[in-house]
Amino acid sequence: MSKSVSNYKTVFFLILNIFFSIISFAQADIVGKWKTKDIIGYTNVKEYSLSKEKEPNYGRRLTFKLDGTFLSNEPIQCPNGCTVFTSGTYALDDNDHIRIIVEDVRFVGFYCGMQRSHKEEYVKDLGVFYIYKEGDSIRLIPSNGVLQDDKDKMLYTEMVDTFYKDWKKYDYVWKNSNGNNPEEIINDCVNLNKEVDLSNCKVVFSRRRGDGEFYILRKNEEFHYVIYNPYDKKVSLAYPKNRS
């Protein structure tokens, strides 16, 4: 074997080892037992919150195994009730995204008749989730697989939470709106003092909150908040009270 061919093989196997090491590291980061409030693929929730199981857990549990399978279960407390187990496979697309597929669901208990008859509804591909890490806990958030979109979504979610904590720091001028979509509704925002230019602003995030709807508008690196009351059909821009 020529020296050049030998060198190519060495480089190839080095790259291969690095590739599988990255995958193994990412997988090892999520493998194990997690405490959770929801049975994966059974409870109707938008995202899943998991915390690392450091001691015996008598509540609901999610276990990711090294072989690419998972088990989501809860303790059997009473035979007269109905205990749910889901299982299936998972795959890490990268360090930040996981795809979960429910391949089986089991019901244990005397009163699981209705659930058993709808078993096929729970066996499905749940799609891709963004793995958002918070210390020893993680949140599995539905994702399109684009990391920057995930980061933006988390930023906007934090902005919404911060706004509602500090909502008294803003003034509001409520105007009637007959808009049928966010763009039409926002067009009805009247800036009486001409202090904020809403032209060319784009709606980058919306959230249903209580009885109202909340929109984040963005123009380059500038953000504005709009609140809409769908019952009274009134909309207002949030004006910071400390504006000059």
C-alpha atoms as a PDB file:
ATOM      1  CA  MET A   1       0.000   0.000   0.000  1.00  0.00           C
ATOM      2  CA  SER A   2       1.401   3.402  -0.960  1.00  0.00           C
ATOM      3  CA  LYS A   3       2.167   5.974   1.703  1.00  0.00           C
ATOM      4  CA  SER A   4      -0.395   8.437   0.285  1.00  0.00           C
ATOM      5  CA  VAL A   5      -3.195   5.852   0.407  1.00  0.00           C
ATOM      6  CA  SER A   6      -2.242   4.991   3.987  1.00  0.00           C
ATOM      7  CA  ASN A   7      -2.359   8.661   4.944  1.00  0.00           C
ATOM      8  CA  TYR A   8      -5.817   9.061   3.369  1.00  0.00           C
ATOM      9  CA  LYS A   9      -7.095   6.064   5.341  1.00  0.00           C
ATOM     10  CA  THR A  10      -5.662   7.490   8.563  1.00  0.00           C
ATOM     11  CA  VAL A  11      -7.366  10.862   7.979  1.00  0.00           C
ATOM     12  CA  PHE A  12     -10.638   9.162   7.017  1.00  0.00           C
ATOM     13  CA  PHE A  13     -10.770   7.061  10.202  1.00  0.00           C
ATOM     14  CA  LEU A  14      -9.781  10.090  12.295  1.00  0.00           C
ATOM     15  CA  ILE A  15     -12.714  12.087  10.899  1.00  0.00           C
ATOM     16  CA  LEU A  16     -15.003   9.081  11.391  1.00  0.00           C
ATOM     17  CA  ASN A  17     -13.939   8.735  15.022  1.00  0.00           C
ATOM     18  CA  ILE A  18     -14.518  12.446  15.666  1.00  0.00           C
ATOM     19  CA  PHE A  19     -17.967  12.232  14.044  1.00  0.00           C
ATOM     20  CA  PHE A  20     -19.079   9.285  16.157  1.00  0.00           C
ATOM     21  CA  SER A  21     -17.562  10.840  19.272  1.00  0.00           C
ATOM     22  CA  ILE A  22     -19.720  13.950  18.739  1.00  0.00           C
ATOM     23  CA  ILE A  23     -22.827  11.799  18.284  1.00  0.00           C
ATOM     24  CA  SER A  24     -21.983   9.706  21.340  1.00  0.00           C
ATOM     25  CA  PHE A  25     -21.413  12.822  23.455  1.00  0.00           C
ATOM     26  CA  ALA A  26     -24.732  14.335  22.381  1.00  0.00           C
ATOM     27  CA  GLN A  27     -26.526  11.072  23.011  1.00  0.00           C
ATOM     28  CA  ALA A  28     -24.922  10.553  26.415  1.00  0.00           C
ATOM     29  CA  ASP A  29     -26.114  14.025  27.406  1.00  0.00           C
ATOM     30  CA  ILE A  30     -29.761  12.962  27.168  1.00  0.00           C
ATOM     31  CA  VAL A  31     -29.543   9.249  27.952  1.00  0.00           C
ATOM     32  CA  GLY A  32     -30.885   8.338  31.369  1.00  0.00           C
ATOM     33  CA  LYS A  33     -33.947   8.711  33.554  1.00  0.00           C
ATOM     34  CA  TRP A  34     -35.881  11.968  33.761  1.00  0.00           C
ATOM     35  CA  LYS A  35     -38.767  13.131  35.925  1.00  0.00           C
ATOM     36  CA  THR A  36     -41.647  14.586  33.935  1.00  0.00           C
ATOM     37  CA  LYS A  37     -45.249  15.713  34.398  1.00  0.00           C
ATOM     38  CA  ASP A  38     -46.459  14.245  31.107  1.00  0.00           C
ATOM     39  CA  ILE A  39     -46.489  10.919  29.297  1.00  0.00           C
ATOM     40  CA  ILE A  40     -44.678  11.444  25.986  1.00  0.00           C
ATOM     41  CA  GLY A  41     -47.110  11.383  23.075  1.00  0.00           C
ATOM     42  CA  TYR A  42     -50.162  10.856  25.295  1.00  0.00           C
ATOM     43  CA  THR A  43     -50.698  14.084  27.206  1.00  0.00           C
ATOM     44  CA  ASN A  44     -51.874  16.921  24.979  1.00  0.00           C
ATOM     45  CA  VAL A  45     -49.181  19.526  25.683  1.00  0.00           C
ATOM     46  CA  LYS A  46     -47.064  21.757  23.452  1.00  0.00           C
ATOM     47  CA  GLU A  47     -43.744  20.957  25.130  1.00  0.00           C
ATOM     48  CA  TYR A  48     -42.244  18.621  27.719  1.00  0.00           C
ATOM     49  CA  SER A  49     -40.311  19.642  30.827  1.00  0.00           C
ATOM     50  CA  LEU A  50     -37.795  17.131  32.145  1.00  0.00           C
ATOM     51  CA  SER A  51     -35.565  17.154  35.206  1.00  0.00           C
ATOM     52  CA  LYS A  52     -32.741  14.708  35.848  1.00  0.00           C
ATOM     53  CA  GLU A  53     -33.756  11.925  38.207  1.00  0.00           C
ATOM     54  CA  LYS A  54     -31.253  11.989  41.079  1.00  0.00           C
ATOM     55  CA  GLU A  55     -33.225   9.753  43.459  1.00  0.00           C
ATOM     56  CA  PRO A  56     -36.011   7.164  43.177  1.00  0.00           C
ATOM     57  CA  ASN A  57     -38.992   8.766  41.472  1.00  0.00           C
ATOM     58  CA  TYR A  58     -42.526   7.671  42.258  1.00  0.00           C
ATOM     59  CA  GLY A  59     -44.107   9.909  39.672  1.00  0.00           C
ATOM     60  CA  ARG A  60     -44.019   9.941  35.892  1.00  0.00           C
ATOM     61  CA  ARG A  61     -40.707   9.087  34.278  1.00  0.00           C
ATOM     62  CA  LEU A  62     -39.090   9.269  30.854  1.00  0.00           C
ATOM     63  CA  THR A  63     -36.116   7.030  30.091  1.00  0.00           C
ATOM     64  CA  PHE A  64     -33.885   7.539  27.042  1.00  0.00           C
ATOM     65  CA  LYS A  65     -31.765   4.440  26.363  1.00  0.00           C
ATOM     66  CA  LEU A  66     -28.430   4.186  24.575  1.00  0.00           C
ATOM     67  CA  ASP A  67     -29.933   1.949  21.882  1.00  0.00           C
ATOM     68  CA  GLY A  68     -32.108   4.811  20.609  1.00  0.00           C
ATOM     69  CA  THR A  69     -35.342   3.748  22.322  1.00  0.00           C
ATOM     70  CA  PHE A  70     -37.371   5.439  25.042  1.00  0.00           C
ATOM     71  CA  LEU A  71     -39.966   4.495  27.637  1.00  0.00           C
ATOM     72  CA  SER A  72     -42.415   6.944  29.201  1.00  0.00           C
ATOM     73  CA  ASN A  73     -44.325   5.522  32.149  1.00  0.00           C
ATOM     74  CA  GLU A  74     -46.016   6.197  35.462  1.00  0.00           C
ATOM     75  CA  PRO A  75     -46.439   4.067  38.598  1.00  0.00           C
ATOM     76  CA  ILE A  76     -49.365   1.653  38.792  1.00  0.00           C
ATOM     77  CA  GLN A  77     -51.266   2.977  41.795  1.00  0.00           C
ATOM     78  CA  CYS A  78     -54.634   1.272  41.568  1.00  0.00           C
ATOM     79  CA  PRO A  79     -55.934  -1.544  39.320  1.00  0.00           C
ATOM     80  CA  ASN A  80     -59.280   0.230  39.154  1.00  0.00           C
ATOM     81  CA  GLY A  81     -57.669   3.211  37.458  1.00  0.00           C
ATOM     82  CA  CYS A  82     -55.811   3.448  34.156  1.00  0.00           C
ATOM     83  CA  THR A  83     -52.023   3.627  33.895  1.00  0.00           C
ATOM     84  CA  VAL A  84     -50.400   4.649  30.605  1.00  0.00           C
ATOM     85  CA  PHE A  85     -47.056   3.617  29.082  1.00  0.00           C
ATOM     86  CA  THR A  86     -45.658   4.864  25.782  1.00  0.00           C
ATOM     87  CA  SER A  87     -42.499   3.668  24.085  1.00  0.00           C
ATOM     88  CA  GLY A  88     -40.700   4.126  20.806  1.00  0.00           C
ATOM     89  CA  THR A  89     -37.520   5.450  19.245  1.00  0.00           C
ATOM     90  CA  TYR A  90     -35.631   8.718  19.223  1.00  0.00           C
ATOM     91  CA  ALA A  91     -32.817  10.169  17.120  1.00  0.00           C
ATOM     92  CA  LEU A  92     -30.560  13.133  17.786  1.00  0.00           C
ATOM     93  CA  ASP A  93     -30.293  15.268  14.659  1.00  0.00           C
ATOM     94  CA  ASP A  94     -27.527  17.276  16.378  1.00  0.00           C
ATOM     95  CA  ASN A  95     -26.664  18.514  19.873  1.00  0.00           C
ATOM     96  CA  ASP A  96     -29.786  20.690  19.953  1.00  0.00           C
ATOM     97  CA  HIS A  97     -32.535  18.678  18.257  1.00  0.00           C
ATOM     98  CA  ILE A  98     -34.248  15.353  18.868  1.00  0.00           C
ATOM     99  CA  ARG A  99     -36.893  13.495  16.882  1.00  0.00           C
ATOM    100  CA  ILE A 100     -39.281  11.290  18.852  1.00  0.00           C
ATOM    101  CA  ILE A 101     -41.499   8.553  17.412  1.00  0.00           C
ATOM    102  CA  VAL A 102     -44.124   6.785  19.536  1.00  0.00           C
ATOM    103  CA  GLU A 103     -44.337   3.179  18.339  1.00  0.00           C
ATOM    104  CA  ASP A 104     -46.449   1.628  21.083  1.00  0.00           C
ATOM    105  CA  VAL A 105     -48.839   2.616  23.869  1.00  0.00           C
ATOM    106  CA  ARG A 106     -50.064   0.316  26.663  1.00  0.00           C
ATOM    107  CA  PHE A 107     -52.912   0.785  29.110  1.00  0.00           C
ATOM    108  CA  VAL A 108     -53.056  -1.037  32.435  1.00  0.00           C
ATOM    109  CA  GLY A 109     -56.224  -1.001  34.541  1.00  0.00           C
ATOM    110  CA  PHE A 110     -59.881  -1.959  34.526  1.00  0.00           C
ATOM    111  CA  TYR A 111     -61.074   1.413  33.242  1.00  0.00           C
ATOM    112  CA  CYS A 112     -58.944   1.854  30.127  1.00  0.00           C
ATOM    113  CA  GLY A 113     -61.571   0.748  27.623  1.00  0.00           C
ATOM    114  CA  MET A 114     -62.010   4.084  25.865  1.00  0.00           C
ATOM    115  CA  GLN A 115     -58.262   4.731  25.729  1.00  0.00           C
ATOM    116  CA  ARG A 116     -57.569   1.277  24.301  1.00  0.00           C
ATOM    117  CA  SER A 117     -60.084   1.806  21.509  1.00  0.00           C
ATOM    118  CA  HIS A 118     -58.184   4.927  20.434  1.00  0.00           C
ATOM    119  CA  LYS A 119     -54.701   3.428  20.729  1.00  0.00           C
ATOM    120  CA  GLU A 120     -53.785   4.135  17.096  1.00  0.00           C
ATOM    121  CA  GLU A 121     -54.140   7.884  17.697  1.00  0.00           C
ATOM    122  CA  TYR A 122     -51.041   7.916  19.898  1.00  0.00           C
ATOM    123  CA  VAL A 123     -48.713   5.841  17.689  1.00  0.00           C
ATOM    124  CA  LYS A 124     -47.078   8.488  15.506  1.00  0.00           C
ATOM    125  CA  ASP A 125     -44.030  10.604  14.723  1.00  0.00           C
ATOM    126  CA  LEU A 126     -44.091  13.507  17.192  1.00  0.00           C
ATOM    127  CA  GLY A 127     -41.612  15.457  15.069  1.00  0.00           C
ATOM    128  CA  VAL A 128     -38.493  17.412  16.009  1.00  0.00           C
ATOM    129  CA  PHE A 129     -37.956  19.105  19.368  1.00  0.00           C
ATOM    130  CA  TYR A 130     -35.461  21.759  20.382  1.00  0.00           C
ATOM    131  CA  ILE A 131     -33.474  20.651  23.455  1.00  0.00           C
ATOM    132  CA  TYR A 132     -33.434  23.766  25.645  1.00  0.00           C
ATOM    133  CA  LYS A 133     -31.166  23.239  28.650  1.00  0.00           C
ATOM    134  CA  GLU A 134     -31.756  24.870  32.041  1.00  0.00           C
ATOM    135  CA  GLY A 135     -29.197  23.543  34.524  1.00  0.00           C
ATOM    136  CA  ASP A 136     -30.104  19.927  35.296  1.00  0.00           C
ATOM    137  CA  SER A 137     -33.420  20.304  33.496  1.00  0.00           C
ATOM    138  CA  ILE A 138     -34.361  20.456  29.837  1.00  0.00           C
ATOM    139  CA  ARG A 139     -37.398  21.513  27.863  1.00  0.00           C
ATOM    140  CA  LEU A 140     -38.357  19.714  24.677  1.00  0.00           C
ATOM    141  CA  ILE A 141     -39.945  22.400  22.490  1.00  0.00           C
ATOM    142  CA  PRO A 142     -41.488  21.731  19.045  1.00  0.00           C
ATOM    143  CA  SER A 143     -39.057  22.910  16.374  1.00  0.00           C
ATOM    144  CA  ASN A 144     -38.570  23.232  12.631  1.00  0.00           C
ATOM    145  CA  GLY A 145     -34.988  22.079  13.133  1.00  0.00           C
ATOM    146  CA  VAL A 146     -33.410  25.510  12.536  1.00  0.00           C
ATOM    147  CA  LEU A 147     -31.370  26.484  15.592  1.00  0.00           C
ATOM    148  CA  GLN A 148     -31.561  30.254  15.021  1.00  0.00           C
ATOM    149  CA  ASP A 149     -35.354  30.078  14.835  1.00  0.00           C
ATOM    150  CA  ASP A 150     -35.356  28.179  18.140  1.00  0.00           C
ATOM    151  CA  LYS A 151     -33.138  30.797  19.788  1.00  0.00           C
ATOM    152  CA  ASP A 152     -35.333  33.621  18.490  1.00  0.00           C
ATOM    153  CA  LYS A 153     -38.454  31.875  19.792  1.00  0.00           C
ATOM    154  CA  MET A 154     -36.931  31.531  23.260  1.00  0.00           C
ATOM    155  CA  LEU A 155     -35.873  35.192  23.204  1.00  0.00           C
ATOM    156  CA  TYR A 156     -39.385  36.325  22.257  1.00  0.00           C
ATOM    157  CA  THR A 157     -40.954  34.079  24.897  1.00  0.00           C
ATOM    158  CA  GLU A 158     -38.707  35.644  27.531  1.00  0.00           C
ATOM    159  CA  MET A 159     -39.656  39.111  26.257  1.00  0.00           C
ATOM    160  CA  VAL A 160     -43.363  38.284  26.637  1.00  0.00           C
ATOM    161  CA  ASP A 161     -42.874  37.044  30.202  1.00  0.00           C
ATOM    162  CA  THR A 162     -40.835  40.129  31.099  1.00  0.00           C
ATOM    163  CA  PHE A 163     -43.459  42.452  29.605  1.00  0.00           C
ATOM    164  CA  TYR A 164     -46.291  40.959  31.640  1.00  0.00           C
ATOM    165  CA  LYS A 165     -44.232  41.303  34.809  1.00  0.00           C
ATOM    166  CA  ASP A 166     -43.625  44.985  34.026  1.00  0.00           C
ATOM    167  CA  TRP A 167     -46.878  45.887  32.228  1.00  0.00           C
ATOM    168  CA  LYS A 168     -47.489  48.835  34.579  1.00  0.00           C
ATOM    169  CA  LYS A 169     -44.393  50.520  33.159  1.00  0.00           C
ATOM    170  CA  TYR A 170     -46.296  51.132  29.915  1.00  0.00           C
ATOM    171  CA  ASP A 171     -49.063  53.482  28.776  1.00  0.00           C
ATOM    172  CA  TYR A 172     -51.824  52.381  26.398  1.00  0.00           C
ATOM    173  CA  VAL A 173     -54.008  54.138  23.835  1.00  0.00           C
ATOM    174  CA  TRP A 174     -56.853  51.781  22.902  1.00  0.00           C
ATOM    175  CA  LYS A 175     -58.333  52.000  19.422  1.00  0.00           C
ATOM    176  CA  ASN A 176     -61.117  50.042  17.734  1.00  0.00           C
ATOM    177  CA  SER A 177     -60.034  47.391  15.260  1.00  0.00           C
ATOM    178  CA  ASN A 178     -61.975  45.265  12.795  1.00  0.00           C
ATOM    179  CA  GLY A 179     -58.850  43.514  11.550  1.00  0.00           C
ATOM    180  CA  ASN A 180     -59.033  39.826  10.652  1.00  0.00           C
ATOM    181  CA  ASN A 181     -55.311  39.057  11.023  1.00  0.00           C
ATOM    182  CA  PRO A 182     -52.347  40.431  13.018  1.00  0.00           C
ATOM    183  CA  GLU A 183     -51.202  42.752  10.233  1.00  0.00           C
ATOM    184  CA  GLU A 184     -54.643  44.356   9.853  1.00  0.00           C
ATOM    185  CA  ILE A 185     -55.059  44.657  13.618  1.00  0.00           C
ATOM    186  CA  ILE A 186     -51.676  46.304  14.047  1.00  0.00           C
ATOM    187  CA  ASN A 187     -52.452  48.763  11.252  1.00  0.00           C
ATOM    188  CA  ASP A 188     -55.223  50.097  13.482  1.00  0.00           C
ATOM    189  CA  CYS A 189     -52.707  51.107  16.147  1.00  0.00           C
ATOM    190  CA  VAL A 190     -52.733  54.917  16.119  1.00  0.00           C
ATOM    191  CA  ASN A 191     -49.629  56.622  17.387  1.00  0.00           C
ATOM    192  CA  LEU A 192     -51.136  59.905  18.501  1.00  0.00           C
ATOM    193  CA  ASN A 193     -47.842  61.517  19.431  1.00  0.00           C
ATOM    194  CA  LYS A 194     -45.913  60.164  16.446  1.00  0.00           C
ATOM    195  CA  GLU A 195     -43.271  58.875  18.841  1.00  0.00           C
ATOM    196  CA  VAL A 196     -43.033  55.382  17.421  1.00  0.00           C
ATOM    197  CA  ASP A 197     -42.708  54.549  13.744  1.00  0.00           C
ATOM    198  CA  LEU A 198     -44.508  51.283  13.025  1.00  0.00           C
ATOM    199  CA  SER A 199     -43.886  51.420   9.298  1.00  0.00           C
ATOM    200  CA  ASN A 200     -41.915  48.450   7.957  1.00  0.00           C
ATOM    201  CA  CYS A 201     -42.297  46.612  11.274  1.00  0.00           C
ATOM    202  CA  LYS A 202     -42.742  42.866  11.008  1.00  0.00           C
ATOM    203  CA  VAL A 203     -44.742  40.632  13.358  1.00  0.00           C
ATOM    204  CA  VAL A 204     -42.110  38.166  14.579  1.00  0.00           C
ATOM    205  CA  PHE A 205     -44.007  36.552  17.449  1.00  0.00           C
ATOM    206  CA  SER A 206     -47.547  36.226  18.788  1.00  0.00           C
ATOM    207  CA  ARG A 207     -48.902  34.667  21.945  1.00  0.00           C
ATOM    208  CA  ARG A 208     -52.385  34.121  23.334  1.00  0.00           C
ATOM    209  CA  ARG A 209     -52.279  35.334  26.913  1.00  0.00           C
ATOM    210  CA  GLY A 210     -55.356  35.223  29.113  1.00  0.00           C
ATOM    211  CA  ASP A 211     -58.215  36.908  27.267  1.00  0.00           C
ATOM    212  CA  GLY A 212     -55.951  38.826  24.907  1.00  0.00           C
ATOM    213  CA  GLU A 213     -53.372  38.449  22.197  1.00  0.00           C
ATOM    214  CA  PHE A 214     -49.833  39.764  22.361  1.00  0.00           C
ATOM    215  CA  TYR A 215     -47.653  40.673  19.367  1.00  0.00           C
ATOM    216  CA  ILE A 216     -43.966  41.489  19.127  1.00  0.00           C
ATOM    217  CA  LEU A 217     -43.040  43.773  16.243  1.00  0.00           C
ATOM    218  CA  ARG A 218     -39.488  44.049  15.001  1.00  0.00           C
ATOM    219  CA  LYS A 219     -37.713  46.556  12.787  1.00  0.00           C
ATOM    220  CA  ASN A 220     -34.010  45.768  12.529  1.00  0.00           C
ATOM    221  CA  GLU A 221     -32.950  45.610  16.218  1.00  0.00           C
ATOM    222  CA  GLU A 222     -35.898  47.663  17.487  1.00  0.00           C
ATOM    223  CA  PHE A 223     -38.883  45.963  19.140  1.00  0.00           C
ATOM    224  CA  HIS A 224     -42.423  47.113  19.938  1.00  0.00           C
ATOM    225  CA  TYR A 225     -45.294  45.454  21.803  1.00  0.00           C
ATOM    226  CA  VAL A 226     -48.947  45.405  20.777  1.00  0.00           C
ATOM    227  CA  ILE A 227     -51.894  44.084  22.817  1.00  0.00           C
ATOM    228  CA  TYR A 228     -55.218  43.118  21.264  1.00  0.00           C
ATOM    229  CA  ASN A 229     -58.514  42.427  23.045  1.00  0.00           C
ATOM    230  CA  PRO A 230     -60.491  40.158  20.656  1.00  0.00           C
ATOM    231  CA  TYR A 231     -63.725  40.464  22.668  1.00  0.00           C
ATOM    232  CA  ASP A 232     -63.917  44.242  22.665  1.00  0.00           C
ATOM    233  CA  LYS A 233     -61.988  44.423  19.387  1.00  0.00           C
ATOM    234  CA  LYS A 234     -59.598  47.018  20.719  1.00  0.00           C
ATOM    235  CA  VAL A 235     -55.866  47.266  20.147  1.00  0.00           C
ATOM    236  CA  SER A 236     -53.071  49.322  21.647  1.00  0.00           C
ATOM    237  CA  LEU A 237     -49.366  49.842  21.307  1.00  0.00           C
ATOM    238  CA  ALA A 238     -47.499  49.636  24.621  1.00  0.00           C
ATOM    239  CA  TYR A 239     -45.741  52.978  25.200  1.00  0.00           C
ATOM    240  CA  PRO A 240     -42.868  52.912  27.707  1.00  0.00           C
ATOM    241  CA  LYS A 241     -43.591  55.497  30.423  1.00  0.00           C
ATOM    242  CA  ASN A 242     -39.952  56.498  30.660  1.00  0.00           C
ATOM    243  CA  ARG A 243     -39.761  57.550  27.008  1.00  0.00           C
ATOM    244  CA  SER A 244     -38.341  61.000  26.454  1.00  0.00           C
END
